Amino acid sequence: MFSELVQAGMQAGRYLGQSMRLMVGLPEYDTYVAHHEKTHPDLPMMSYEEFFRERQEARYGGAGKRGGCC
């Protein structure tokens, strides 16, 4: 019983940490790598720099997109 509560608390902490990083715009490269290796092993994986750039463009808009407040 106690160990289940501890595990639930740890899981909640991981979710909270991930949510906080996403709110301030820090992408989860490790999560991307784990997902990619598990579900898309036959496809090329983005480098950290490519991943970071893609996440920035998705959040703020890339070339030719009108995003943000201005």
Foldseek 3Di string as FASTA:
>chain_A
DVVVVVVVVVVVVVVVVQVVCVVVLNDDVVVVVVCCVVPPVPDDDDDPVRVSVVSCCVVANDPPDDGDDD
